[in-house]
Amino acid sequence: GPETVPKFLMTVPDATAESALSPLAERQITLVLDAHLHGAAPRIPVERGAMREYEMETTFDVPARTFLRVVYGDDGFFFRRFHHETGECPDASVPPWTARSSDATRVVVFTKTMSLPSVIERLLGSGTSMATLRFEETQTFAWDPATSTACVRSTPTLVSPRSESFQTEVAVYVCPDGDDPTRRCAMRAVIKVTASGTW
């Protein structure tokens, strides 16, 4: 069958300098993830039955496979550190990927302390503008070995009785950069935000 969890996603015990990300690349990735996976959703104005879609594209000075292994690797190191640094969550759970027939999946569990807009505060009934929210994020990894392209879909779900009123899905596409495929990669992220019910 197809290789749904590519070997390069697995932990490399003796990682060399060339297989790691530069501090600038790590900072770029952290900013992208923080702004679009978690930071953007509560700040987007929504209306009843509204769905909004956003796209962004960027490149990183690192090969696509290195990017994927460091960010989405089986060891979960990057996401645990990411949630620790950006969400004050020192104990995020990032399990290994589970292979399925045509893709792989895992559920990342984390908390994030944030200042809530008044509309979100009323929706959740938190009673305070500052809250520590718990999320369960389903990640799905699909790999096309012919083009060395990956698609990672992330659906973070707020653990709350009314979480169905607000949903976010992020699809991240990563492939070798067309101009310099051995040293750079291109990333495109599509963010969909849906709100329903009474706000």
Protein backbone atom coordinates (compact mmCIF):
# COMPACT_ATOMS: atom_id res chain seq x y z
CA GLY A 1 0.00 0.00 0.00
CA PRO A 2 0.99 3.70 -0.12
CA GLU A 3 3.43 5.11 2.40
CA THR A 4 0.97 7.17 4.42
CA VAL A 5 3.53 8.11 7.10
CA PRO A 6 6.76 8.85 5.22
CA LYS A 7 9.92 7.64 6.91
CA PHE A 8 11.37 11.15 6.98
CA LEU A 9 8.66 12.16 9.49
CA MET A 10 10.11 9.77 12.03
CA THR A 11 12.58 10.94 14.66
CA VAL A 12 16.18 11.11 13.46
CA PRO A 13 18.37 10.17 16.48
CA ASP A 14 21.52 11.89 15.25
CA ALA A 15 20.17 14.99 13.56
CA THR A 16 22.80 17.04 11.80
CA ALA A 17 22.93 20.80 11.51
CA GLU A 18 21.72 20.68 7.92
CA SER A 19 18.59 18.77 8.90
CA ALA A 20 17.51 21.39 11.44
CA LEU A 21 15.70 24.67 10.88
CA SER A 22 17.47 27.99 11.20
CA PRO A 23 16.28 30.27 14.04
CA LEU A 24 14.73 32.59 11.41
CA ALA A 25 12.79 29.75 9.78
CA GLU A 26 11.59 28.53 13.19
CA ARG A 27 10.43 32.04 14.04
CA GLN A 28 8.60 32.36 10.70
CA ILE A 29 6.81 29.06 11.21
CA THR A 30 5.87 29.88 14.79
CA LEU A 31 4.37 33.22 13.73
CA VAL A 32 2.40 31.58 10.91
CA LEU A 33 1.02 28.85 13.16
CA ASP A 34 0.18 31.21 16.01
CA ALA A 35 -1.56 33.76 13.79
CA HIS A 36 -3.55 31.37 11.65
CA LEU A 37 -4.15 28.20 13.65
CA HIS A 38 -5.04 29.78 16.96
CA GLY A 39 -4.71 33.55 17.08
CA ALA A 40 -6.90 34.51 14.14
CA ALA A 41 -10.11 32.65 14.92
CA PRO A 42 -11.33 34.59 17.99
CA ARG A 43 -10.53 37.94 16.36
CA ILE A 44 -12.46 37.40 13.12
CA PRO A 45 -15.83 39.21 13.08
CA VAL A 46 -18.59 36.77 12.22
CA GLU A 47 -22.29 36.82 11.54
CA ARG A 48 -25.02 34.21 11.77
CA GLY A 49 -24.34 31.46 9.26
CA ALA A 50 -21.09 33.13 8.19
CA MET A 51 -18.15 31.33 6.61
CA ARG A 52 -14.93 33.10 5.75
CA GLU A 53 -11.89 31.78 3.96
CA TYR A 54 -8.37 33.15 4.04
CA GLU A 55 -5.25 32.13 2.15
CA MET A 56 -1.58 32.84 2.64
CA GLU A 57 1.54 31.72 0.83
CA THR A 58 5.18 31.89 1.84
CA THR A 59 8.49 30.14 1.32
CA PHE A 60 11.07 28.87 3.79
CA ASP A 61 14.82 28.50 3.36
CA VAL A 62 14.73 24.79 4.14
CA PRO A 63 13.97 21.66 2.05
CA ALA A 64 10.34 20.50 2.14
CA ARG A 65 11.13 17.17 3.80
CA THR A 66 13.13 18.88 6.54
CA PHE A 67 10.30 21.35 7.13
CA LEU A 68 7.77 18.52 7.40
CA ARG A 69 9.94 16.38 9.66
CA VAL A 70 10.77 19.22 12.07
CA VAL A 71 7.26 20.73 12.24
CA TYR A 72 5.06 17.65 11.84
CA GLY A 73 7.49 14.93 12.91
CA ASP A 74 6.40 11.82 14.76
CA ASP A 75 8.20 12.96 17.92
CA GLY A 76 5.87 15.97 18.32
CA PHE A 77 8.71 18.13 19.66
CA PHE A 78 7.93 21.26 17.63
CA PHE A 79 4.23 21.37 18.51
CA ARG A 80 4.87 20.75 22.22
CA ARG A 81 7.36 23.61 22.28
CA PHE A 82 5.06 25.77 20.15
CA HIS A 83 2.13 25.37 22.56
CA HIS A 84 4.42 25.92 25.55
CA GLU A 85 5.82 29.17 24.16
CA THR A 86 2.68 30.66 22.57
CA GLY A 87 -0.11 29.31 24.76
CA GLU A 88 1.54 28.77 28.15
CA CYS A 89 0.78 25.05 27.89
CA PRO A 90 3.74 22.99 29.18
CA ASP A 91 2.01 19.62 28.81
CA ALA A 92 0.49 19.52 25.31
CA SER A 93 -0.13 15.98 24.08
CA VAL A 94 1.25 15.28 20.58
CA PRO A 95 1.04 11.54 19.82
CA PRO A 96 2.72 9.73 16.91
CA TRP A 97 0.85 9.50 13.61
CA THR A 98 -1.54 6.60 13.08
CA ALA A 99 -1.47 5.31 9.50
CA ARG A 100 -4.72 4.67 7.66
CA SER A 101 -5.34 3.40 4.13
CA SER A 102 -4.61 6.68 2.34
CA ASP A 103 -3.43 9.10 5.03
CA ALA A 104 -2.37 9.38 8.67
CA THR A 105 -4.01 11.07 11.64
CA ARG A 106 -3.43 12.14 15.24
CA VAL A 107 -5.20 14.26 17.86
CA VAL A 108 -3.18 17.02 19.53
CA VAL A 109 -4.53 18.19 22.91
CA PHE A 110 -3.49 21.55 24.34
CA THR A 111 -4.66 24.55 26.34
CA LYS A 112 -4.24 28.22 25.45
CA THR A 113 -4.61 31.21 27.75
CA MET A 114 -6.08 34.15 25.87
CA SER A 115 -8.00 37.38 26.23
CA LEU A 116 -11.52 36.78 24.94
CA PRO A 117 -13.53 39.28 22.90
CA SER A 118 -16.85 40.03 24.62
CA VAL A 119 -18.86 38.08 22.02
CA ILE A 120 -16.76 34.92 22.62
CA GLU A 121 -16.92 35.45 26.39
CA ARG A 122 -20.74 35.56 26.25
CA LEU A 123 -20.85 32.52 23.96
CA LEU A 124 -18.71 30.41 26.29
CA GLY A 125 -20.16 31.81 29.49
CA SER A 126 -16.68 32.12 30.99
CA GLY A 127 -17.53 35.19 33.09
CA THR A 128 -14.09 36.70 32.52
CA SER A 129 -12.19 38.21 29.61
CA MET A 130 -9.13 36.04 30.37
CA ALA A 131 -9.55 32.30 30.10
CA THR A 132 -7.56 29.11 29.65
CA LEU A 133 -9.27 27.17 26.87
CA ARG A 134 -8.76 23.50 26.07
CA PHE A 135 -8.57 22.31 22.47
CA GLU A 136 -8.51 18.93 20.74
CA GLU A 137 -6.97 19.36 17.30
CA THR A 138 -7.37 16.58 14.75
CA GLN A 139 -4.48 16.60 12.27
CA THR A 140 -4.60 14.59 9.05
CA PHE A 141 -1.45 14.08 6.95
CA ALA A 142 -1.63 13.13 3.26
CA TRP A 143 1.54 12.58 1.22
CA ASP A 144 2.07 12.45 -2.56
CA PRO A 145 5.50 10.85 -3.14
CA ALA A 146 5.36 11.56 -6.89
CA THR A 147 5.41 15.34 -6.32
CA SER A 148 6.88 15.37 -2.78
CA THR A 149 3.84 17.36 -1.71
CA ALA A 150 2.12 17.09 1.65
CA CYS A 151 -1.25 18.34 2.85
CA VAL A 152 -1.83 18.64 6.58
CA ARG A 153 -5.39 19.44 7.64
CA SER A 154 -5.91 20.69 11.19
CA THR A 155 -9.28 21.04 12.86
CA PRO A 156 -8.97 22.48 16.37
CA THR A 157 -12.12 21.93 18.44
CA LEU A 158 -12.72 23.93 21.58
CA VAL A 159 -13.73 21.62 24.44
CA SER A 160 -16.94 23.44 25.33
CA PRO A 161 -20.66 22.63 25.20
CA ARG A 162 -21.10 25.32 22.53
CA SER A 163 -18.00 24.63 20.48
CA GLU A 164 -20.08 23.63 17.46
CA SER A 165 -21.03 27.30 17.03
CA PHE A 166 -17.50 28.21 15.97
CA GLN A 167 -15.28 26.02 13.80
CA THR A 168 -11.88 26.51 12.20
CA GLU A 169 -10.12 24.33 9.65
CA VAL A 170 -6.60 24.93 8.37
CA ALA A 171 -5.15 23.12 5.36
CA VAL A 172 -1.38 23.49 4.94
CA TYR A 173 0.21 22.44 1.65
CA VAL A 174 4.00 22.02 1.56
CA CYS A 175 6.09 21.21 -1.52
CA PRO A 176 9.59 21.87 -2.87
CA ASP A 177 10.03 25.42 -4.14
CA GLY A 178 9.92 25.55 -7.94
CA ASP A 179 12.97 27.83 -8.22
CA ASP A 180 15.20 26.04 -5.69
CA PRO A 181 13.62 22.68 -4.77
CA THR A 182 16.65 21.22 -3.00
CA ARG A 183 17.07 24.11 -0.54
CA ARG A 184 13.67 25.83 -0.24
CA CYS A 185 10.04 24.87 0.17
CA ALA A 186 6.75 26.59 -0.55
CA MET A 187 3.83 26.61 1.86
CA ARG A 188 0.22 27.57 1.21
CA ALA A 189 -2.29 27.72 4.05
CA VAL A 190 -6.06 27.90 3.58
CA ILE A 191 -8.00 28.91 6.70
CA LYS A 192 -11.77 28.45 6.90
CA VAL A 193 -13.76 29.92 9.78
CA THR A 194 -17.46 29.10 10.23
CA ALA A 195 -19.85 30.57 12.78
CA SER A 196 -23.46 29.59 13.36
CA GLY A 197 -26.19 30.18 15.90
CA THR A 198 -26.94 33.34 17.84
CA TRP A 199 -24.03 35.67 18.55
